[in-house]
Amino acid sequence: VVLDLILRSGLVRQFLLMTLQLSLFAFQDFIFGSRQPSELELDLAFHQGKYFAGISKKLKGTA
């Protein structure tokens, strides 16, 4: 029930779009070598990846 409400509210869609935007930005920086990520950025990316994986596992279990 809670997952259904989250999906209907658009929070997952917003999270996915934000993730895609940040990934594209980071990819451009990586390809062109304009800068290296800070420790904070690496920590946040790791946390976001774990969070996204948890959501994916929950969604896969409901399919």
C-alpha atoms as a PDB file:
ATOM      1  CA  VAL A   1       0.000   0.000   0.000  1.00  0.00           C
ATOM      2  CA  VAL A   2       2.773   2.462   0.913  1.00  0.00           C
ATOM      3  CA  LEU A   3       4.763   1.591  -2.208  1.00  0.00           C
ATOM      4  CA  ASP A   4       1.655   2.126  -4.332  1.00  0.00           C
ATOM      5  CA  LEU A   5       1.188   5.595  -2.820  1.00  0.00           C
ATOM      6  CA  ILE A   6       4.824   6.451  -3.468  1.00  0.00           C
ATOM      7  CA  LEU A   7       4.538   5.356  -7.094  1.00  0.00           C
ATOM      8  CA  ARG A   8       1.356   7.362  -7.603  1.00  0.00           C
ATOM      9  CA  SER A   9       2.826  10.476  -6.025  1.00  0.00           C
ATOM     10  CA  GLY A  10       5.593  10.620  -8.616  1.00  0.00           C
ATOM     11  CA  LEU A  11       8.424  10.531  -6.074  1.00  0.00           C
ATOM     12  CA  VAL A  12      10.071   7.579  -7.779  1.00  0.00           C
ATOM     13  CA  ARG A  13       9.846   9.277 -11.180  1.00  0.00           C
ATOM     14  CA  GLN A  14      11.362  12.450  -9.728  1.00  0.00           C
ATOM     15  CA  PHE A  15      14.145  10.428  -8.087  1.00  0.00           C
ATOM     16  CA  LEU A  16      14.917   8.614 -11.339  1.00  0.00           C
ATOM     17  CA  LEU A  17      15.038  11.850 -13.342  1.00  0.00           C
ATOM     18  CA  MET A  18      17.331  13.451 -10.785  1.00  0.00           C
ATOM     19  CA  THR A  19      19.584  10.399 -10.868  1.00  0.00           C
ATOM     20  CA  LEU A  20      19.758  10.513 -14.663  1.00  0.00           C
ATOM     21  CA  GLN A  21      20.573  14.222 -14.699  1.00  0.00           C
ATOM     22  CA  LEU A  22      23.337  13.827 -12.127  1.00  0.00           C
ATOM     23  CA  SER A  23      24.721  10.809 -13.968  1.00  0.00           C
ATOM     24  CA  LEU A  24      24.902  12.684 -17.273  1.00  0.00           C
ATOM     25  CA  PHE A  25      26.588  15.645 -15.607  1.00  0.00           C
ATOM     26  CA  ALA A  26      29.134  13.399 -13.925  1.00  0.00           C
ATOM     27  CA  PHE A  27      29.710  11.463 -17.173  1.00  0.00           C
ATOM     28  CA  GLN A  28      30.553  14.657 -19.056  1.00  0.00           C
ATOM     29  CA  ASP A  29      33.019  15.693 -16.369  1.00  0.00           C
ATOM     30  CA  PHE A  30      34.597  12.233 -16.429  1.00  0.00           C
ATOM     31  CA  ILE A  31      34.936  12.089 -20.221  1.00  0.00           C
ATOM     32  CA  PHE A  32      36.384  15.569 -20.612  1.00  0.00           C
ATOM     33  CA  GLY A  33      38.504  15.306 -17.467  1.00  0.00           C
ATOM     34  CA  SER A  34      37.542  18.726 -16.182  1.00  0.00           C
ATOM     35  CA  ARG A  35      37.570  17.645 -12.525  1.00  0.00           C
ATOM     36  CA  GLN A  36      37.619  14.729 -10.108  1.00  0.00           C
ATOM     37  CA  PRO A  37      34.790  13.972  -7.641  1.00  0.00           C
ATOM     38  CA  SER A  38      35.270  14.949  -4.004  1.00  0.00           C
ATOM     39  CA  GLU A  39      35.008  12.452  -1.153  1.00  0.00           C
ATOM     40  CA  LEU A  40      31.585  13.873  -0.288  1.00  0.00           C
ATOM     41  CA  GLU A  41      30.350  13.372  -3.856  1.00  0.00           C
ATOM     42  CA  LEU A  42      31.633   9.800  -3.873  1.00  0.00           C
ATOM     43  CA  ASP A  43      29.931   9.091  -0.538  1.00  0.00           C
ATOM     44  CA  LEU A  44      26.653  10.583  -1.772  1.00  0.00           C
ATOM     45  CA  ALA A  45      26.829   8.602  -5.011  1.00  0.00           C
ATOM     46  CA  PHE A  46      27.442   5.383  -3.076  1.00  0.00           C
ATOM     47  CA  HIS A  47      24.490   6.104  -0.766  1.00  0.00           C
ATOM     48  CA  GLN A  48      22.238   6.966  -3.704  1.00  0.00           C
ATOM     49  CA  GLY A  49      23.223   3.750  -5.477  1.00  0.00           C
ATOM     50  CA  LYS A  50      22.421   1.636  -2.417  1.00  0.00           C
ATOM     51  CA  TYR A  51      19.093   3.444  -1.982  1.00  0.00           C
ATOM     52  CA  PHE A  52      18.170   2.948  -5.640  1.00  0.00           C
ATOM     53  CA  ALA A  53      19.123  -0.736  -5.482  1.00  0.00           C
ATOM     54  CA  GLY A  54      16.835  -1.174  -2.465  1.00  0.00           C
ATOM     55  CA  ILE A  55      13.926   0.417  -4.321  1.00  0.00           C
ATOM     56  CA  SER A  56      14.641  -1.754  -7.368  1.00  0.00           C
ATOM     57  CA  LYS A  57      14.615  -4.926  -5.282  1.00  0.00           C
ATOM     58  CA  LYS A  58      11.288  -3.947  -3.711  1.00  0.00           C
ATOM     59  CA  LEU A  59       9.755  -3.184  -7.104  1.00  0.00           C
ATOM     60  CA  LYS A  60      11.055  -6.440  -8.565  1.00  0.00           C
ATOM     61  CA  GLY A  61       9.459  -8.350  -5.691  1.00  0.00           C
ATOM     62  CA  THR A  62       6.032  -6.840  -6.455  1.00  0.00           C
ATOM     63  CA  ALA A  63       6.109  -7.646 -10.179  1.00  0.00           C
END
